[in-house]
Amino acid sequence: MTSLRRVKSDCCIRQQDPSQLSLYLGDNDHPFEQMKEPASQPLDDKCSPARSSNHGQLMKNSEVKDLGGMLQHIERLHDTIRHLLDENRSLGSRLCTTLEESVALRMKYCSLNRDIQSILIEKREISQEVDELRTQISKTRLPVFESTRRGIIVSKLLSKSQSISQLADASGNHVSPDTMDRRLVPDTKGLLDTALNVDQAQILFASFDEWFGETNLETITLTTCSVCHKVKFEQRESDRSKILVNEFTRDLPRPACTNPVCLDCCLGSLSIFLEALRENWWSLPGSMISIPCPCGCSAETAIRNRGSLQRMLRLAGDRSQAPKLKIYDTAQHLMEVLDDTDLQPTLEARKVAEGLHRHLISNSRMRSPFDLRFSDMHAREKGSPLNANFKLVQLYDIDYAEGTLRVPIFTRLLQLQKTPSQCSICTELIRDFSYGSLDEWDGICTGYRGDWLWKILLFPQKLEANCNHTIDFCTACLRRHIETQLDQHGRGGCRLLTCPSLGCGRRLEYEEVRLYASDEAFFK
């Protein structure tokens, strides 16, 4: 700051007029006055040259002296300027450092600002979730404790206290057991968990000896079910008591298991098994159905007949037995049919047949056996032999791995065409299988190739690929036509077999003859 004041003062001196400059200069620093003084004196003619030379010398000395002072002053100004430049560079360096620190602080501020924004957003989301939960809690009514017969019996069972004969209401009047709703009395077991209002609970608690009694209470124990893990009533039989609230039974056939299973779990396990029987009956060996133990152990209970299942359902307290009995009857009959076939299908054949039937049912080409009447499935042959579902089950060869597999197909389940087709040879009205178009049928059977997809049809639709006409004659007529031509031409005429359609005359190929000729005629 001192240098700045000095520079400013020097600049001010330069701007002032010469008259004021004397204030800043000494006696020897007034060149202009020395130059003016000789001019103001009168000149003598004789001494004018000497005086002129002296005056010139003085002028030179004065100018040299003035120049020296000015150079010193200029050097001082240069020093001041260098000092100011050094200070300026120092200030610039400090400014750069300050700017860098400011940028770093700014970046840190931005980062903190982003963190704060994310925290605020997260806090807002949490706040919204909390508000939603509060709204749900405000809308949800907490369950109110309700008295039930089970609670009354458990209370009596645990406390073994004397029952109260009468309870007074809030007004002091006595409540009589006769005022109790009689609809709640008869089936004690079925109403164990029925909610009671305050008056009903008081009445039942007061009249406990009348509708249950200490005698029955002594026969009850609390037992935990091994399946649902709920504590329920197990009541042993006694000559002096009635079986009112027993939730377990020893009558269900479980010879190899002693784990306690309540009636609800027994019925639930039985219902689940029978419902699953609609799909997995294919994989059950033999002709007898065995039910697994409800507790999950390896024990099984064989159902010997329909009556044993009906008894089990009755003991389990099932009130809708008809649908379950129908599933059992159908599955049992289908298993007996497979077990009675001449060539019993292998386990692999059963699995392939199961997948094929499920595939055809899903594509609306076959009906589920459990959707039909039992009478429709009982007869091995039913209806007209000119219908595709005349026989209950037939064996067909299906391509499997690198060979063929003989698989049972329940043709009784096939969907028939709505209108029959007339054969042009025998003129019979035939109701073939509703396969749709040949392309659709071939596409549906993509995963199940083999001769069966043509043999199952009552018309030889395989010939349509090579013939230029509609196939209007049945497979039976084609088979008889092949036999007639073989009898006519002999064994050497196997290559002379032709299509029986009028005007066609196309010779049948080897694969077509093998597919549609009878086994006896083919081996001739």
Protein backbone atom coordinates (compact mmCIF):
# COMPACT_ATOMS: atom_id res chain seq x y z
CA MET A 1 0.00 0.00 0.00
CA THR A 2 2.92 2.35 0.70
CA SER A 3 4.28 1.76 -2.81
CA LEU A 4 0.88 2.50 -4.28
CA ARG A 5 0.74 5.83 -2.46
CA ARG A 6 4.25 6.72 -3.65
CA VAL A 7 3.37 5.94 -7.27
CA LYS A 8 0.22 7.97 -6.98
CA SER A 9 2.06 10.94 -5.48
CA ASP A 10 4.66 10.82 -8.26
CA CYS A 11 1.98 10.79 -10.87
CA CYS A 12 0.33 13.79 -9.21
CA ILE A 13 3.63 15.70 -9.24
CA ARG A 14 3.97 15.09 -12.98
CA GLN A 15 0.52 16.47 -13.60
CA GLN A 16 1.21 19.72 -11.64
CA ASP A 17 2.53 22.88 -13.35
CA PRO A 18 6.16 23.96 -12.93
CA SER A 19 5.24 26.69 -10.48
CA GLN A 20 4.00 24.12 -8.03
CA LEU A 21 6.86 21.71 -8.71
CA SER A 22 9.15 23.80 -6.54
CA LEU A 23 7.34 22.59 -3.50
CA TYR A 24 8.70 19.10 -4.13
CA LEU A 25 12.20 20.04 -5.38
CA GLY A 26 15.14 21.44 -3.46
CA ASP A 27 17.12 24.62 -4.10
CA ASN A 28 19.32 22.88 -6.58
CA ASP A 29 16.42 21.27 -8.35
CA HIS A 30 14.93 24.35 -10.08
CA PRO A 31 16.36 24.30 -13.56
CA PHE A 32 13.63 26.39 -14.99
CA GLU A 33 14.17 29.25 -12.54
CA GLN A 34 17.92 29.18 -13.16
CA MET A 35 17.26 29.39 -16.83
CA LYS A 36 14.89 32.32 -16.36
CA GLU A 37 17.08 34.36 -14.03
CA PRO A 38 19.83 35.15 -16.57
CA ALA A 39 17.22 36.25 -19.01
CA SER A 40 15.78 38.76 -16.57
CA GLN A 41 19.16 40.49 -15.92
CA PRO A 42 20.43 43.16 -18.28
CA LEU A 43 23.24 42.06 -20.54
CA ASP A 44 26.47 43.98 -20.96
CA ASP A 45 27.97 43.99 -24.33
CA LYS A 46 31.52 43.22 -23.09
CA CYS A 47 30.82 40.38 -20.73
CA SER A 48 28.07 38.76 -22.80
CA PRO A 49 30.29 35.93 -24.29
CA ALA A 50 31.72 34.95 -20.92
CA ARG A 51 28.43 35.14 -19.33
CA SER A 52 26.93 33.14 -22.15
CA SER A 53 29.49 30.37 -21.72
CA ASN A 54 28.98 30.27 -17.96
CA HIS A 55 25.32 30.26 -18.42
CA GLY A 56 25.52 27.36 -20.89
CA GLN A 57 27.75 25.43 -18.51
CA LEU A 58 25.31 25.97 -15.70
CA MET A 59 22.49 24.87 -17.91
CA LYS A 60 24.30 21.63 -18.78
CA ASN A 61 25.10 20.91 -15.14
CA SER A 62 21.54 21.60 -14.16
CA GLU A 63 20.17 19.34 -16.90
CA VAL A 64 22.56 16.53 -15.97
CA LYS A 65 21.57 16.84 -12.37
CA ASP A 66 17.91 16.87 -13.27
CA LEU A 67 18.34 13.81 -15.52
CA GLY A 68 20.11 11.93 -12.73
CA GLY A 69 17.28 12.66 -10.35
CA MET A 70 14.75 11.62 -12.91
CA LEU A 71 16.63 8.35 -13.54
CA GLN A 72 16.70 7.63 -9.84
CA HIS A 73 13.02 8.40 -9.64
CA ILE A 74 12.37 6.11 -12.62
CA GLU A 75 14.36 3.32 -10.97
CA ARG A 76 12.36 3.77 -7.81
CA LEU A 77 9.18 3.55 -9.91
CA HIS A 78 10.50 0.37 -11.58
CA ASP A 79 11.21 -1.12 -8.17
CA THR A 80 7.72 -0.20 -7.07
CA ILE A 81 6.23 -1.72 -10.21
CA ARG A 82 8.25 -4.93 -9.77
CA HIS A 83 7.12 -5.11 -6.17
CA LEU A 84 3.52 -4.61 -7.23
CA LEU A 85 3.86 -7.27 -9.93
CA ASP A 86 5.29 -9.71 -7.38
CA GLU A 87 2.41 -8.97 -5.04
CA ASN A 88 0.01 -9.34 -7.97
CA ARG A 89 1.46 -12.76 -8.81
CA SER A 90 1.22 -13.77 -5.18
CA LEU A 91 -2.38 -12.60 -5.05
CA GLY A 92 -3.10 -14.45 -8.32
CA SER A 93 -1.63 -17.66 -6.91
CA ARG A 94 -3.66 -17.28 -3.76
CA LEU A 95 -6.72 -16.55 -5.87
CA CYS A 96 -6.18 -19.76 -7.91
CA THR A 97 -5.83 -21.75 -4.71
CA THR A 98 -8.97 -20.15 -3.33
CA LEU A 99 -10.85 -20.87 -6.57
CA GLU A 100 -9.76 -24.53 -6.49
CA GLU A 101 -10.89 -24.80 -2.89
CA SER A 102 -14.15 -23.11 -3.85
CA VAL A 103 -14.70 -25.58 -6.72
CA ALA A 104 -13.99 -28.51 -4.39
CA LEU A 105 -16.41 -27.12 -1.84
CA ARG A 106 -18.96 -26.58 -4.61
CA MET A 107 -18.64 -30.19 -5.77
CA LYS A 108 -18.93 -31.41 -2.20
CA TYR A 109 -21.99 -29.23 -1.78
CA CYS A 110 -23.57 -30.70 -4.92
CA SER A 111 -22.82 -34.24 -3.73
CA LEU A 112 -24.32 -33.51 -0.34
CA ASN A 113 -27.30 -31.93 -2.04
CA ARG A 114 -27.87 -35.09 -4.10
CA ASP A 115 -27.58 -37.22 -1.00
CA ILE A 116 -30.06 -35.00 0.77
CA GLN A 117 -32.46 -35.22 -2.18
CA SER A 118 -32.25 -39.02 -2.27
CA ILE A 119 -32.77 -39.18 1.49
CA LEU A 120 -35.78 -36.90 1.17
CA ILE A 121 -37.23 -39.05 -1.62
CA GLU A 122 -36.69 -42.19 0.44
CA LYS A 123 -38.20 -40.50 3.45
CA ARG A 124 -41.19 -39.43 1.35
CA GLU A 125 -41.70 -43.02 0.13
CA ILE A 126 -41.44 -44.35 3.67
CA SER A 127 -43.89 -41.70 4.78
CA GLN A 128 -46.32 -42.75 2.05
CA GLU A 129 -45.99 -46.41 3.03
CA VAL A 130 -46.58 -45.50 6.66
CA ASP A 131 -49.66 -43.52 5.66
CA GLU A 132 -50.97 -46.45 3.62
CA LEU A 133 -50.37 -48.83 6.51
CA ARG A 134 -52.13 -46.46 8.86
CA THR A 135 -55.05 -46.28 6.44
CA GLN A 136 -55.20 -50.06 6.23
CA ILE A 137 -54.97 -50.39 9.99
CA SER A 138 -57.72 -47.82 10.42
CA LYS A 139 -59.93 -49.73 7.98
CA THR A 140 -59.14 -53.13 9.46
CA ARG A 141 -61.17 -54.04 12.43
CA LEU A 142 -59.33 -55.99 15.03
CA PRO A 143 -60.99 -59.33 15.77
CA VAL A 144 -63.08 -59.20 18.86
CA PHE A 145 -62.90 -62.14 21.19
CA GLU A 146 -65.98 -64.25 20.69
CA SER A 147 -67.20 -66.92 23.06
CA THR A 148 -67.78 -70.41 21.68
CA ARG A 149 -68.82 -73.77 23.06
CA ARG A 150 -65.22 -74.91 22.66
CA GLY A 151 -64.06 -72.07 24.87
CA ILE A 152 -66.65 -72.90 27.51
CA ILE A 153 -65.70 -76.60 27.54
CA VAL A 154 -61.98 -75.81 27.68
CA SER A 155 -62.60 -73.37 30.51
CA LYS A 156 -64.53 -75.99 32.42
CA LEU A 157 -61.99 -78.65 31.61
CA LEU A 158 -59.06 -76.58 32.82
CA SER A 159 -60.63 -75.02 35.84
CA LYS A 160 -62.78 -77.96 37.04
CA SER A 161 -64.86 -75.38 38.82
CA GLN A 162 -68.46 -75.75 39.76
CA SER A 163 -70.86 -74.52 37.12
CA ILE A 164 -73.13 -71.63 37.93
CA SER A 165 -76.81 -72.45 37.84
CA GLN A 166 -78.03 -69.00 37.01
CA LEU A 167 -76.51 -65.68 36.04
CA ALA A 168 -78.15 -62.36 36.56
CA ASP A 169 -78.16 -59.82 33.78
CA ALA A 170 -77.24 -56.18 34.23
CA SER A 171 -80.76 -55.25 35.34
CA GLY A 172 -80.82 -57.89 38.05
CA ASN A 173 -83.31 -60.15 36.26
CA HIS A 174 -82.53 -63.87 36.03
CA VAL A 175 -81.92 -65.45 32.65
CA SER A 176 -83.60 -68.83 32.22
CA PRO A 177 -82.03 -71.58 30.07
CA ASP A 178 -85.39 -71.89 28.33
CA THR A 179 -84.75 -68.54 26.61
CA MET A 180 -81.68 -69.95 24.84
CA ASP A 181 -81.91 -70.39 21.09
CA ARG A 182 -82.80 -74.05 20.63
CA ARG A 183 -81.14 -74.14 17.23
CA LEU A 184 -77.74 -74.03 18.93
CA VAL A 185 -78.32 -77.11 21.10
CA PRO A 186 -78.73 -80.35 19.08
CA ASP A 187 -75.37 -80.78 17.27
CA THR A 188 -72.80 -79.86 19.88
CA LYS A 189 -69.82 -81.11 17.85
CA GLY A 190 -70.80 -79.18 14.73
CA LEU A 191 -71.30 -75.99 16.72
CA LEU A 192 -68.11 -76.04 18.78
CA ASP A 193 -66.69 -72.99 17.03
CA THR A 194 -69.95 -71.13 16.40
CA ALA A 195 -69.74 -67.61 17.76
CA LEU A 196 -72.08 -66.79 20.63
CA ASN A 197 -73.39 -63.47 21.78
CA VAL A 198 -73.12 -62.39 25.40
CA ASP A 199 -76.51 -63.76 26.47
CA GLN A 200 -75.98 -67.12 24.76
CA ALA A 201 -72.53 -67.49 26.31
CA GLN A 202 -73.89 -66.70 29.77
CA ILE A 203 -76.75 -69.15 29.34
CA LEU A 204 -74.53 -71.99 28.11
CA PHE A 205 -72.01 -71.35 30.83
CA ALA A 206 -74.75 -71.36 33.46
CA SER A 207 -76.49 -74.46 32.06
CA PHE A 208 -73.31 -76.42 31.37
CA ASP A 209 -74.51 -79.46 33.33
CA GLU A 210 -77.69 -79.62 31.29
CA TRP A 211 -76.18 -79.63 27.78
CA PHE A 212 -72.84 -81.26 28.53
CA GLY A 213 -72.25 -82.17 32.14
CA GLU A 214 -69.36 -83.19 34.31
CA THR A 215 -69.71 -86.85 33.28
CA ASN A 216 -68.87 -86.09 29.67
CA LEU A 217 -66.21 -83.63 30.79
CA GLU A 218 -64.33 -86.42 32.56
CA THR A 219 -64.07 -88.41 29.30
CA ILE A 220 -62.39 -85.57 27.36
CA THR A 221 -58.68 -85.07 26.82
CA LEU A 222 -56.90 -82.41 24.80
CA THR A 223 -54.92 -84.03 21.96
CA THR A 224 -52.69 -82.39 19.35
CA CYS A 225 -53.29 -83.46 15.75
CA SER A 226 -50.09 -84.61 14.03
CA VAL A 227 -51.14 -82.96 10.76
CA CYS A 228 -52.65 -79.55 11.57
CA HIS A 229 -50.94 -79.34 15.01
CA LYS A 230 -54.13 -78.01 16.59
CA VAL A 231 -55.24 -79.03 20.05
CA LYS A 232 -58.65 -80.68 19.78
CA PHE A 233 -61.02 -82.79 21.85
CA GLU A 234 -60.57 -86.54 22.03
CA GLN A 235 -63.41 -88.20 23.91
CA ARG A 236 -63.24 -91.82 24.95
CA GLU A 237 -66.32 -93.97 25.00
CA SER A 238 -68.03 -94.52 28.32
CA ASP A 239 -71.24 -96.18 29.46
CA ARG A 240 -72.25 -93.06 31.35
CA SER A 241 -71.39 -90.53 28.65
CA LYS A 242 -72.45 -89.72 25.14
CA ILE A 243 -69.99 -89.03 22.34
CA LEU A 244 -70.69 -85.35 21.84
CA VAL A 245 -67.46 -83.57 20.91
CA ASN A 246 -65.00 -86.28 19.83
CA GLU A 247 -62.81 -84.85 17.03
CA PHE A 248 -60.71 -87.99 16.60
CA THR A 249 -61.72 -91.49 15.63
CA ARG A 250 -60.18 -94.90 16.03
CA ASP A 251 -62.54 -96.50 13.52
CA LEU A 252 -60.78 -95.33 10.37
CA PRO A 253 -58.57 -98.15 9.04
CA ARG A 254 -54.99 -97.13 9.82
CA PRO A 255 -53.41 -100.40 10.87
CA ALA A 256 -49.77 -99.38 10.52
CA CYS A 257 -49.87 -95.89 12.09
CA THR A 258 -50.72 -94.65 15.59
CA ASN A 259 -50.15 -90.92 15.13
CA PRO A 260 -53.24 -88.93 16.17
CA VAL A 261 -55.01 -87.37 13.19
CA CYS A 262 -58.21 -85.38 13.62
CA LEU A 263 -61.29 -86.05 11.51
CA ASP A 264 -60.92 -82.79 9.57
CA CYS A 265 -57.40 -83.72 8.44
CA CYS A 266 -58.51 -87.27 7.58
CA LEU A 267 -61.32 -85.95 5.42
CA GLY A 268 -59.08 -83.31 3.85
CA SER A 269 -56.39 -85.86 2.99
CA LEU A 270 -58.98 -88.24 1.56
CA SER A 271 -60.56 -85.49 -0.55
CA ILE A 272 -57.19 -84.36 -1.91
CA PHE A 273 -56.25 -87.93 -2.81
CA LEU A 274 -59.52 -88.61 -4.62
CA GLU A 275 -59.25 -85.34 -6.55
CA ALA A 276 -55.69 -86.20 -7.58
CA LEU A 277 -56.94 -89.64 -8.63
CA ARG A 278 -58.45 -88.00 -11.70
CA GLU A 279 -54.93 -87.56 -13.08
CA ASN A 280 -52.63 -90.13 -11.49
CA TRP A 281 -54.78 -93.28 -11.77
CA TRP A 282 -52.67 -94.25 -14.78
CA SER A 283 -49.59 -94.82 -12.61
CA LEU A 284 -51.31 -96.92 -9.91
CA PRO A 285 -50.39 -100.60 -10.26
CA GLY A 286 -52.99 -103.34 -10.19
CA SER A 287 -56.71 -102.80 -9.85
CA MET A 288 -56.97 -101.78 -6.17
CA ILE A 289 -56.64 -98.22 -4.92
CA SER A 290 -54.64 -97.53 -1.75
CA ILE A 291 -54.86 -94.29 0.21
CA PRO A 292 -51.69 -92.90 1.84
CA CYS A 293 -51.71 -92.14 5.55
CA PRO A 294 -52.76 -88.53 6.31
CA CYS A 295 -49.81 -87.98 8.66
CA GLY A 296 -47.32 -88.41 5.80
CA CYS A 297 -45.76 -91.69 6.85
CA SER A 298 -45.22 -94.59 4.47
CA ALA A 299 -48.29 -96.51 5.62
CA GLU A 300 -51.18 -97.03 3.19
CA THR A 301 -54.79 -98.11 3.54
CA ALA A 302 -56.30 -100.22 0.77
CA ILE A 303 -59.85 -99.44 -0.34
CA ARG A 304 -61.24 -102.85 -1.10
CA ASN A 305 -64.55 -101.72 -2.54
CA ARG A 306 -66.99 -98.86 -2.82
CA GLY A 307 -68.58 -99.68 0.51
CA SER A 308 -65.33 -99.32 2.45
CA LEU A 309 -64.75 -95.86 0.96
CA GLN A 310 -68.32 -94.87 1.74
CA ARG A 311 -67.82 -95.95 5.35
CA MET A 312 -64.58 -93.98 5.60
CA LEU A 313 -66.28 -90.86 4.27
CA ARG A 314 -69.12 -91.29 6.73
CA LEU A 315 -66.74 -91.72 9.67
CA ALA A 316 -64.81 -88.64 8.55
CA GLY A 317 -68.01 -86.62 8.59
CA ASP A 318 -68.24 -85.97 4.84
CA ARG A 319 -71.62 -84.60 3.83
CA SER A 320 -71.03 -84.60 0.05
CA GLN A 321 -69.99 -88.14 -0.76
CA ALA A 322 -71.46 -88.46 -4.27
CA PRO A 323 -68.70 -86.60 -6.23
CA LYS A 324 -65.95 -88.49 -4.41
CA LEU A 325 -67.64 -91.84 -4.94
CA LYS A 326 -68.02 -91.12 -8.66
CA ILE A 327 -64.30 -90.38 -8.98
CA TYR A 328 -63.48 -93.61 -7.18
CA ASP A 329 -65.90 -95.69 -9.27
CA THR A 330 -64.55 -94.31 -12.56
CA ALA A 331 -60.88 -94.68 -11.64
CA GLN A 332 -61.43 -98.16 -10.23
CA HIS A 333 -63.21 -99.27 -13.41
CA LEU A 334 -60.51 -97.83 -15.70
CA MET A 335 -57.80 -99.59 -13.69
CA GLU A 336 -59.71 -102.87 -13.91
CA VAL A 337 -60.06 -102.46 -17.68
CA LEU A 338 -56.31 -101.97 -18.11
CA ASP A 339 -55.60 -104.86 -15.77
CA ASP A 340 -57.89 -107.18 -17.78
CA THR A 341 -56.37 -106.46 -21.21
CA ASP A 342 -54.67 -109.38 -22.92
CA LEU A 343 -51.39 -107.51 -23.24
CA GLN A 344 -51.15 -105.42 -20.11
CA PRO A 345 -49.43 -102.11 -20.89
CA THR A 346 -46.06 -101.48 -19.34
CA LEU A 347 -45.34 -98.55 -17.03
CA GLU A 348 -43.81 -96.63 -19.93
CA ALA A 349 -46.89 -97.33 -22.07
CA ARG A 350 -49.11 -96.06 -19.24
CA LYS A 351 -47.11 -92.83 -19.00
CA VAL A 352 -47.30 -92.27 -22.78
CA ALA A 353 -51.03 -93.04 -22.74
CA GLU A 354 -51.56 -90.61 -19.87
CA GLY A 355 -49.82 -87.81 -21.76
CA LEU A 356 -51.68 -88.62 -24.99
CA HIS A 357 -55.11 -88.61 -23.33
CA ARG A 358 -54.37 -85.36 -21.50
CA HIS A 359 -53.16 -83.84 -24.79
CA LEU A 360 -56.27 -84.90 -26.72
CA ILE A 361 -58.57 -83.67 -23.93
CA SER A 362 -56.87 -80.26 -23.87
CA ASN A 363 -57.34 -80.01 -27.67
CA SER A 364 -61.06 -80.90 -27.44
CA ARG A 365 -60.61 -84.17 -29.34
CA MET A 366 -61.47 -86.33 -26.35
CA ARG A 367 -63.64 -86.09 -23.22
CA SER A 368 -62.49 -86.71 -19.67
CA PRO A 369 -63.69 -90.08 -18.32
CA PHE A 370 -64.75 -88.38 -15.09
CA ASP A 371 -67.17 -86.13 -16.98
CA LEU A 372 -69.14 -89.07 -18.39
CA ARG A 373 -71.81 -91.14 -16.75
CA PHE A 374 -70.60 -94.34 -15.21
CA SER A 375 -72.90 -96.33 -17.48
CA ASP A 376 -71.12 -94.87 -20.52
CA MET A 377 -67.81 -96.27 -19.27
CA HIS A 378 -69.02 -99.60 -17.91
CA ALA A 379 -69.74 -101.56 -21.12
CA ARG A 380 -66.81 -102.73 -23.21
CA GLU A 381 -68.87 -102.23 -26.36
CA LYS A 382 -71.72 -99.78 -26.59
CA GLY A 383 -73.81 -98.31 -29.36
CA SER A 384 -73.30 -98.98 -33.03
CA PRO A 385 -70.12 -100.58 -34.38
CA LEU A 386 -70.25 -97.91 -37.06
CA ASN A 387 -69.32 -95.32 -34.44
CA ALA A 388 -65.70 -94.54 -33.64
CA ASN A 389 -66.35 -94.90 -29.88
CA PHE A 390 -67.99 -98.32 -30.13
CA LYS A 391 -65.21 -100.02 -28.16
CA LEU A 392 -64.13 -98.86 -24.72
CA VAL A 393 -60.38 -99.30 -25.20
CA GLN A 394 -58.08 -100.39 -28.02
CA LEU A 395 -54.33 -100.90 -28.30
CA TYR A 396 -52.36 -98.93 -30.90
CA ASP A 397 -48.69 -98.71 -31.82
CA ILE A 398 -47.08 -95.32 -31.15
CA ASP A 399 -43.54 -94.37 -32.11
CA TYR A 400 -41.40 -94.31 -29.00
CA ALA A 401 -37.63 -93.80 -28.82
CA GLU A 402 -36.23 -95.87 -31.69
CA GLY A 403 -39.12 -98.36 -31.87
CA THR A 404 -42.83 -98.60 -31.21
CA LEU A 405 -44.81 -98.90 -28.02
CA ARG A 406 -48.23 -100.52 -27.71
CA VAL A 407 -50.37 -98.00 -25.89
CA PRO A 408 -54.00 -98.29 -24.69
CA ILE A 409 -56.38 -95.61 -25.98
CA PHE A 410 -59.88 -95.29 -24.55
CA THR A 411 -61.74 -94.76 -27.82
CA ARG A 412 -65.01 -94.42 -25.88
CA LEU A 413 -63.80 -90.95 -24.92
CA LEU A 414 -63.36 -89.72 -28.51
CA GLN A 415 -65.42 -86.78 -29.69
CA LEU A 416 -67.63 -87.91 -32.58
CA GLN A 417 -68.68 -85.93 -35.62
CA LYS A 418 -72.07 -84.27 -35.28
CA THR A 419 -73.36 -85.71 -38.57
CA PRO A 420 -72.50 -89.18 -39.91
CA SER A 421 -70.84 -89.75 -43.29
CA GLN A 422 -72.15 -92.31 -45.80
CA CYS A 423 -69.79 -94.84 -47.31
CA SER A 424 -70.00 -94.91 -51.11
CA ILE A 425 -69.50 -98.69 -51.19
CA CYS A 426 -71.51 -100.17 -48.32
CA THR A 427 -73.80 -97.10 -48.04
CA GLU A 428 -73.66 -97.29 -44.24
CA LEU A 429 -73.91 -94.12 -42.14
CA ILE A 430 -70.71 -93.92 -40.15
CA ARG A 431 -69.90 -91.44 -37.36
CA ASP A 432 -66.18 -90.99 -37.43
CA PHE A 433 -63.93 -89.37 -34.89
CA SER A 434 -64.07 -85.54 -34.94
CA TYR A 435 -60.47 -84.88 -35.92
CA GLY A 436 -61.04 -81.61 -37.82
CA SER A 437 -58.96 -81.25 -40.96
CA LEU A 438 -56.09 -83.58 -41.81
CA ASP A 439 -53.58 -80.78 -41.25
CA GLU A 440 -55.05 -80.03 -37.82
CA TRP A 441 -55.03 -83.69 -36.85
CA ASP A 442 -51.46 -84.15 -38.04
CA GLY A 443 -50.39 -81.03 -36.12
CA ILE A 444 -52.07 -82.17 -32.90
CA CYS A 445 -50.30 -85.53 -33.05
CA THR A 446 -46.84 -84.02 -33.60
CA GLY A 447 -45.45 -85.49 -30.38
CA TYR A 448 -47.20 -88.83 -30.81
CA ARG A 449 -46.39 -90.18 -34.26
CA GLY A 450 -47.29 -93.63 -35.54
CA ASP A 451 -49.86 -95.63 -37.51
CA TRP A 452 -52.44 -95.12 -34.79
CA LEU A 453 -53.39 -91.61 -35.93
CA TRP A 454 -54.67 -93.12 -39.22
CA LYS A 455 -55.96 -96.45 -37.92
CA ILE A 456 -58.13 -94.77 -35.31
CA LEU A 457 -60.16 -93.13 -38.11
CA LEU A 458 -63.03 -95.08 -39.72
CA PHE A 459 -62.23 -93.65 -43.17
CA PRO A 460 -58.80 -94.25 -44.83
CA GLN A 461 -57.87 -90.57 -44.98
CA LYS A 462 -54.21 -91.47 -45.52
CA LEU A 463 -55.02 -92.16 -49.22
CA GLU A 464 -56.14 -88.58 -49.81
CA ALA A 465 -52.53 -87.39 -49.94
CA ASN A 466 -51.94 -89.41 -53.17
CA CYS A 467 -55.43 -89.60 -54.64
CA ASN A 468 -57.03 -86.65 -56.38
CA HIS A 469 -60.48 -87.20 -54.86
CA THR A 470 -62.26 -87.17 -51.54
CA ILE A 471 -62.11 -90.41 -49.59
CA ASP A 472 -65.76 -91.43 -49.39
CA PHE A 473 -65.38 -95.14 -48.59
CA CYS A 474 -64.78 -96.59 -45.14
CA THR A 475 -61.75 -98.49 -43.94
CA ALA A 476 -63.70 -101.75 -43.66
CA CYS A 477 -64.67 -101.60 -47.34
CA LEU A 478 -61.07 -100.83 -48.33
CA ARG A 479 -59.90 -103.84 -46.33
CA ARG A 480 -62.41 -106.13 -48.06
CA HIS A 481 -61.43 -104.65 -51.43
CA ILE A 482 -57.76 -105.50 -50.81
CA GLU A 483 -58.65 -109.05 -49.79
CA THR A 484 -60.80 -109.50 -52.91
CA GLN A 485 -58.04 -108.29 -55.22
CA LEU A 486 -55.48 -110.56 -53.53
CA ASP A 487 -57.81 -113.52 -53.99
CA GLN A 488 -58.25 -112.51 -57.63
CA HIS A 489 -54.62 -111.90 -58.54
CA GLY A 490 -52.90 -114.16 -56.05
CA ARG A 491 -49.69 -113.34 -54.23
CA GLY A 492 -48.17 -112.00 -57.40
CA GLY A 493 -50.81 -109.34 -57.66
CA CYS A 494 -49.75 -107.40 -54.56
CA ARG A 495 -48.51 -104.62 -56.81
CA LEU A 496 -51.78 -104.54 -58.74
CA LEU A 497 -53.90 -103.39 -55.79
CA THR A 498 -55.77 -100.20 -56.66
CA CYS A 499 -57.94 -97.59 -55.01
CA PRO A 500 -61.58 -98.77 -54.87
CA SER A 501 -62.97 -95.35 -55.79
CA LEU A 502 -64.68 -95.22 -59.19
CA GLY A 503 -62.59 -93.46 -61.80
CA CYS A 504 -59.39 -93.46 -59.71
CA GLY A 505 -57.51 -96.68 -60.40
CA ARG A 506 -54.35 -95.49 -58.61
CA ARG A 507 -52.18 -98.34 -57.44
CA LEU A 508 -51.80 -98.52 -53.69
CA GLU A 509 -48.33 -98.15 -52.24
CA TYR A 510 -46.73 -100.68 -49.94
CA GLU A 511 -47.16 -98.53 -46.81
CA GLU A 512 -50.82 -97.96 -47.60
CA VAL A 513 -51.44 -101.70 -47.97
CA ARG A 514 -49.56 -102.42 -44.74
CA LEU A 515 -51.57 -99.75 -42.95
CA TYR A 516 -55.09 -100.72 -44.02
CA ALA A 517 -54.97 -104.42 -44.93
CA SER A 518 -55.78 -107.03 -42.32
CA ASP A 519 -52.87 -108.91 -40.81
CA GLU A 520 -53.89 -112.12 -42.58
CA ALA A 521 -54.15 -110.44 -45.98
CA PHE A 522 -50.90 -108.50 -45.54
CA PHE A 523 -48.85 -111.62 -44.80
CA LYS A 524 -50.10 -113.47 -47.90
